[in-house]
Amino acid sequence: NRFLPDLLGSGHITKDVGEPLVLAVVTHSNFMMEGEVGRACQTQYPADPAGKRKAQNNQVVMMTYDLSLHPDAENAELQLVGGSQSCQNVVNGTNIFEGGKPR
């Protein structure tokens, strides 16, 4: 994965060590249920009438990572800060249920 090292090394972005780099990632709510996002953020999703948690349409969450770039390394290393406590709900999104049934 060379996207971040190449981006930061391109000279188009100048950041001091420790200065935040904010990236927005847009995806479908179904994909927010899987992988690292699902594990970290599932407690931020509302429960459906059966009690199953589901990310809402247009829901926004914030996850914080530490990025380590090593000049000799082939890849960047991303470490999720705070583990499963690292996900914060920013915008609730649109509830996909109305009256206990999907809209």
N, C-alpha and C. Protein backbone atom coordinates (compact mmCIF):
# COMPACT_ATOMS: atom_id res chain seq x y z
N ASN A 1 0.85 -1.17 0.00
CA ASN A 1 0.00 0.00 0.00
C ASN A 1 0.89 1.24 0.00
N ARG A 2 0.94 1.91 -1.11
CA ARG A 2 1.82 3.07 -1.26
C ARG A 2 1.05 4.38 -1.38
N PHE A 3 -0.25 4.38 -1.25
CA PHE A 3 -1.03 5.60 -1.46
C PHE A 3 -0.58 6.73 -0.54
N LEU A 4 -0.60 6.51 0.77
CA LEU A 4 -0.24 7.59 1.70
C LEU A 4 1.24 7.97 1.61
N PRO A 5 2.17 7.01 1.59
CA PRO A 5 3.57 7.44 1.45
C PRO A 5 3.82 8.23 0.17
N ASP A 6 3.23 7.79 -0.93
CA ASP A 6 3.42 8.50 -2.20
C ASP A 6 2.76 9.88 -2.15
N LEU A 7 1.57 9.97 -1.56
CA LEU A 7 0.87 11.24 -1.45
C LEU A 7 1.67 12.23 -0.61
N LEU A 8 2.14 11.78 0.54
CA LEU A 8 2.89 12.68 1.42
C LEU A 8 4.26 13.02 0.85
N GLY A 9 4.85 12.12 0.08
CA GLY A 9 6.16 12.36 -0.51
C GLY A 9 6.11 13.13 -1.81
N SER A 10 4.92 13.43 -2.30
CA SER A 10 4.78 14.08 -3.60
C SER A 10 5.09 15.57 -3.56
N GLY A 11 5.10 16.16 -2.38
CA GLY A 11 5.30 17.59 -2.26
C GLY A 11 4.01 18.39 -2.40
N HIS A 12 2.91 17.74 -2.74
CA HIS A 12 1.62 18.42 -2.86
C HIS A 12 1.00 18.70 -1.49
N ILE A 13 1.37 17.90 -0.50
CA ILE A 13 0.85 18.07 0.85
C ILE A 13 2.05 18.23 1.78
N THR A 14 2.04 19.29 2.55
CA THR A 14 3.12 19.48 3.52
C THR A 14 2.52 19.45 4.92
N LYS A 15 2.98 18.51 5.70
CA LYS A 15 2.52 18.34 7.08
C LYS A 15 3.73 18.18 7.97
N ASP A 16 3.70 18.83 9.12
CA ASP A 16 4.73 18.62 10.12
C ASP A 16 4.44 17.32 10.87
N VAL A 17 5.47 16.72 11.42
CA VAL A 17 5.30 15.51 12.22
C VAL A 17 4.32 15.80 13.35
N GLY A 18 3.33 14.92 13.50
CA GLY A 18 2.32 15.09 14.55
C GLY A 18 1.12 15.92 14.15
N GLU A 19 1.21 16.60 13.01
CA GLU A 19 0.09 17.42 12.55
C GLU A 19 -0.96 16.51 11.89
N PRO A 20 -2.24 16.68 12.20
CA PRO A 20 -3.26 15.79 11.64
C PRO A 20 -3.38 15.90 10.13
N LEU A 21 -3.62 14.78 9.51
CA LEU A 21 -3.96 14.69 8.10
C LEU A 21 -5.36 14.10 8.07
N VAL A 22 -6.33 14.84 7.57
CA VAL A 22 -7.73 14.42 7.58
C VAL A 22 -8.11 13.92 6.21
N LEU A 23 -8.59 12.68 6.15
CA LEU A 23 -9.06 12.09 4.90
C LEU A 23 -10.51 11.68 5.08
N ALA A 24 -11.33 11.97 4.09
CA ALA A 24 -12.73 11.53 4.11
C ALA A 24 -12.86 10.30 3.21
N VAL A 25 -13.55 9.30 3.70
CA VAL A 25 -13.78 8.07 2.94
C VAL A 25 -15.28 7.87 2.87
N VAL A 26 -15.80 7.70 1.69
CA VAL A 26 -17.23 7.51 1.50
C VAL A 26 -17.48 6.07 1.09
N THR A 27 -18.44 5.43 1.75
CA THR A 27 -18.76 4.04 1.44
C THR A 27 -20.25 3.79 1.68
N HIS A 28 -20.70 2.62 1.35
CA HIS A 28 -22.09 2.21 1.57
C HIS A 28 -22.23 1.72 3.01
N SER A 29 -23.40 1.93 3.60
CA SER A 29 -23.61 1.52 4.99
C SER A 29 -23.39 0.02 5.18
N ASN A 30 -23.63 -0.80 4.15
CA ASN A 30 -23.40 -2.24 4.28
C ASN A 30 -21.93 -2.54 4.54
N PHE A 31 -21.02 -1.79 3.92
CA PHE A 31 -19.59 -2.02 4.11
C PHE A 31 -19.13 -1.54 5.48
N MET A 32 -19.90 -0.68 6.10
CA MET A 32 -19.55 -0.20 7.45
C MET A 32 -19.82 -1.28 8.50
N MET A 33 -20.41 -2.37 8.11
CA MET A 33 -20.71 -3.47 9.01
C MET A 33 -19.57 -4.48 9.06
N GLU A 34 -18.61 -4.36 8.13
CA GLU A 34 -17.56 -5.37 7.98
C GLU A 34 -16.20 -4.85 8.44
N GLY A 35 -15.29 -5.76 8.65
CA GLY A 35 -13.89 -5.43 8.88
C GLY A 35 -13.65 -4.53 10.08
N GLU A 36 -12.59 -3.74 9.96
CA GLU A 36 -12.17 -2.87 11.06
C GLU A 36 -13.22 -1.82 11.41
N VAL A 37 -13.89 -1.28 10.42
CA VAL A 37 -14.93 -0.27 10.68
C VAL A 37 -16.08 -0.92 11.45
N GLY A 38 -16.51 -2.08 11.03
CA GLY A 38 -17.60 -2.77 11.73
C GLY A 38 -17.25 -3.10 13.17
N ARG A 39 -16.02 -3.61 13.38
CA ARG A 39 -15.59 -3.97 14.74
C ARG A 39 -15.50 -2.73 15.63
N ALA A 40 -14.99 -1.64 15.11
CA ALA A 40 -14.78 -0.44 15.92
C ALA A 40 -16.05 0.38 16.12
N CYS A 41 -16.94 0.34 15.14
CA CYS A 41 -18.07 1.29 15.15
C CYS A 41 -19.44 0.69 15.43
N GLN A 42 -19.54 -0.61 15.53
CA GLN A 42 -20.86 -1.23 15.64
C GLN A 42 -21.68 -0.70 16.81
N THR A 43 -21.03 -0.30 17.89
CA THR A 43 -21.78 0.24 19.03
C THR A 43 -22.38 1.61 18.71
N GLN A 44 -21.95 2.24 17.64
CA GLN A 44 -22.47 3.55 17.24
C GLN A 44 -23.72 3.43 16.36
N TYR A 45 -24.02 2.22 15.90
CA TYR A 45 -25.16 2.01 15.01
C TYR A 45 -26.42 1.73 15.81
N PRO A 46 -27.56 2.28 15.40
CA PRO A 46 -28.80 1.98 16.10
C PRO A 46 -29.25 0.54 15.84
N ALA A 47 -30.05 0.02 16.74
CA ALA A 47 -30.58 -1.34 16.59
C ALA A 47 -31.89 -1.30 15.82
N ASP A 48 -32.08 -2.31 14.97
CA ASP A 48 -33.35 -2.44 14.28
C ASP A 48 -34.37 -3.05 15.23
N PRO A 49 -35.63 -3.22 14.81
CA PRO A 49 -36.65 -3.75 15.72
C PRO A 49 -36.31 -5.12 16.31
N ALA A 50 -35.47 -5.91 15.61
CA ALA A 50 -35.09 -7.23 16.12
C ALA A 50 -33.86 -7.15 17.04
N GLY A 51 -33.31 -5.94 17.22
CA GLY A 51 -32.15 -5.76 18.09
C GLY A 51 -30.81 -5.83 17.38
N LYS A 52 -30.82 -6.05 16.05
CA LYS A 52 -29.56 -6.12 15.29
C LYS A 52 -29.11 -4.70 14.95
N ARG A 53 -27.83 -4.42 15.19
CA ARG A 53 -27.29 -3.09 14.89
C ARG A 53 -26.96 -2.98 13.41
N LYS A 54 -27.27 -1.80 12.83
CA LYS A 54 -27.06 -1.55 11.40
C LYS A 54 -26.67 -0.10 11.21
N ALA A 55 -25.61 0.14 10.43
CA ALA A 55 -25.24 1.51 10.07
C ALA A 55 -26.39 2.13 9.28
N GLN A 56 -26.65 3.40 9.54
CA GLN A 56 -27.74 4.08 8.84
C GLN A 56 -27.24 4.70 7.54
N ASN A 57 -28.17 4.97 6.65
CA ASN A 57 -27.84 5.69 5.42
C ASN A 57 -27.33 7.08 5.79
N ASN A 58 -26.26 7.49 5.18
CA ASN A 58 -25.65 8.82 5.39
C ASN A 58 -25.07 9.00 6.80
N GLN A 59 -24.88 7.92 7.54
CA GLN A 59 -24.26 8.05 8.86
C GLN A 59 -22.78 8.39 8.70
N VAL A 60 -22.29 9.26 9.58
CA VAL A 60 -20.89 9.68 9.54
C VAL A 60 -20.23 9.30 10.86
N VAL A 61 -19.11 8.60 10.77
CA VAL A 61 -18.32 8.26 11.95
C VAL A 61 -16.90 8.79 11.76
N MET A 62 -16.22 8.97 12.87
CA MET A 62 -14.83 9.42 12.82
C MET A 62 -13.96 8.37 13.48
N MET A 63 -12.90 7.97 12.77
CA MET A 63 -11.93 7.02 13.30
C MET A 63 -10.55 7.67 13.23
N THR A 64 -9.75 7.47 14.25
CA THR A 64 -8.44 8.11 14.33
C THR A 64 -7.35 7.04 14.22
N TYR A 65 -6.39 7.30 13.36
CA TYR A 65 -5.26 6.39 13.15
C TYR A 65 -3.96 7.13 13.36
N ASP A 66 -2.92 6.41 13.75
CA ASP A 66 -1.55 6.92 13.72
C ASP A 66 -0.91 6.35 12.47
N LEU A 67 -0.19 7.19 11.75
CA LEU A 67 0.50 6.79 10.53
C LEU A 67 1.99 6.84 10.79
N SER A 68 2.66 5.74 10.52
CA SER A 68 4.12 5.70 10.63
C SER A 68 4.69 5.47 9.24
N LEU A 69 5.55 6.36 8.81
CA LEU A 69 6.24 6.20 7.53
C LEU A 69 7.71 5.96 7.81
N HIS A 70 8.21 4.88 7.29
CA HIS A 70 9.61 4.55 7.46
C HIS A 70 10.29 4.68 6.10
N PRO A 71 11.36 5.46 5.99
CA PRO A 71 12.00 5.70 4.70
C PRO A 71 12.41 4.41 3.98
N ASP A 72 12.78 3.38 4.74
CA ASP A 72 13.24 2.14 4.12
C ASP A 72 12.09 1.19 3.79
N ALA A 73 10.95 1.42 4.39
CA ALA A 73 9.84 0.46 4.27
C ALA A 73 9.12 0.58 2.94
N GLU A 74 8.56 -0.52 2.52
CA GLU A 74 7.75 -0.55 1.29
C GLU A 74 6.37 0.04 1.52
N ASN A 75 5.87 -0.10 2.73
CA ASN A 75 4.49 0.29 3.01
C ASN A 75 4.41 1.23 4.21
N ALA A 76 3.30 1.93 4.28
CA ALA A 76 3.00 2.74 5.46
C ALA A 76 2.36 1.83 6.50
N GLU A 77 2.49 2.19 7.74
CA GLU A 77 1.87 1.42 8.81
C GLU A 77 0.81 2.29 9.46
N LEU A 78 -0.43 1.80 9.45
CA LEU A 78 -1.55 2.50 10.09
C LEU A 78 -1.95 1.74 11.34
N GLN A 79 -2.09 2.45 12.43
CA GLN A 79 -2.51 1.85 13.69
C GLN A 79 -3.73 2.58 14.19
N LEU A 80 -4.83 1.86 14.37
CA LEU A 80 -6.06 2.45 14.89
C LEU A 80 -5.83 2.89 16.33
N VAL A 81 -6.09 4.15 16.62
CA VAL A 81 -5.88 4.69 17.96
C VAL A 81 -7.10 4.34 18.82
N GLY A 82 -6.86 3.71 19.95
CA GLY A 82 -7.95 3.42 20.87
C GLY A 82 -8.71 2.15 20.60
N GLY A 83 -8.31 1.38 19.61
CA GLY A 83 -8.98 0.10 19.31
C GLY A 83 -10.47 0.29 19.09
N SER A 84 -11.27 -0.54 19.75
CA SER A 84 -12.72 -0.49 19.55
C SER A 84 -13.35 0.76 20.12
N GLN A 85 -12.59 1.53 20.92
CA GLN A 85 -13.11 2.78 21.48
C GLN A 85 -12.82 3.96 20.56
N SER A 86 -12.25 3.71 19.40
CA SER A 86 -11.77 4.80 18.54
C SER A 86 -12.84 5.38 17.63
N CYS A 87 -13.98 4.76 17.54
CA CYS A 87 -15.01 5.23 16.61
C CYS A 87 -15.97 6.18 17.34
N GLN A 88 -16.17 7.33 16.72
CA GLN A 88 -17.10 8.31 17.28
C GLN A 88 -18.18 8.61 16.25
N ASN A 89 -19.42 8.66 16.70
CA ASN A 89 -20.51 9.03 15.81
C ASN A 89 -20.49 10.54 15.61
N VAL A 90 -20.54 10.98 14.36
CA VAL A 90 -20.53 12.41 14.04
C VAL A 90 -21.91 12.86 13.61
N VAL A 91 -22.55 12.10 12.71
CA VAL A 91 -23.90 12.40 12.23
C VAL A 91 -24.69 11.10 12.23
N ASN A 92 -25.89 11.12 12.81
CA ASN A 92 -26.69 9.91 12.93
C ASN A 92 -27.14 9.30 11.62
N GLY A 93 -27.33 10.10 10.60
CA GLY A 93 -27.82 9.57 9.34
C GLY A 93 -29.33 9.41 9.34
N THR A 94 -29.82 8.70 8.34
CA THR A 94 -31.26 8.52 8.13
C THR A 94 -31.67 7.13 8.57
N ASN A 95 -32.65 7.05 9.43
CA ASN A 95 -33.15 5.77 9.88
C ASN A 95 -33.80 5.03 8.72
N ILE A 96 -33.42 3.77 8.54
CA ILE A 96 -33.97 2.99 7.44
C ILE A 96 -35.27 2.31 7.81
N PHE A 97 -35.71 2.47 9.07
CA PHE A 97 -36.96 1.87 9.51
C PHE A 97 -37.99 2.93 9.85
N GLU A 98 -39.23 2.60 9.58
CA GLU A 98 -40.36 3.47 9.93
C GLU A 98 -41.47 2.57 10.43
N GLY A 99 -41.89 2.78 11.65
CA GLY A 99 -42.95 1.92 12.22
C GLY A 99 -42.51 0.48 12.37
N GLY A 100 -41.21 0.24 12.57
CA GLY A 100 -40.71 -1.12 12.76
C GLY A 100 -40.44 -1.88 11.48
N LYS A 101 -40.69 -1.24 10.32
CA LYS A 101 -40.46 -1.90 9.03
C LYS A 101 -39.53 -1.06 8.18
N PRO A 102 -38.76 -1.72 7.30
CA PRO A 102 -37.89 -0.93 6.40
C PRO A 102 -38.72 -0.01 5.52
N ARG A 103 -38.16 1.17 5.25
CA ARG A 103 -38.87 2.13 4.39
C ARG A 103 -38.89 1.65 2.97
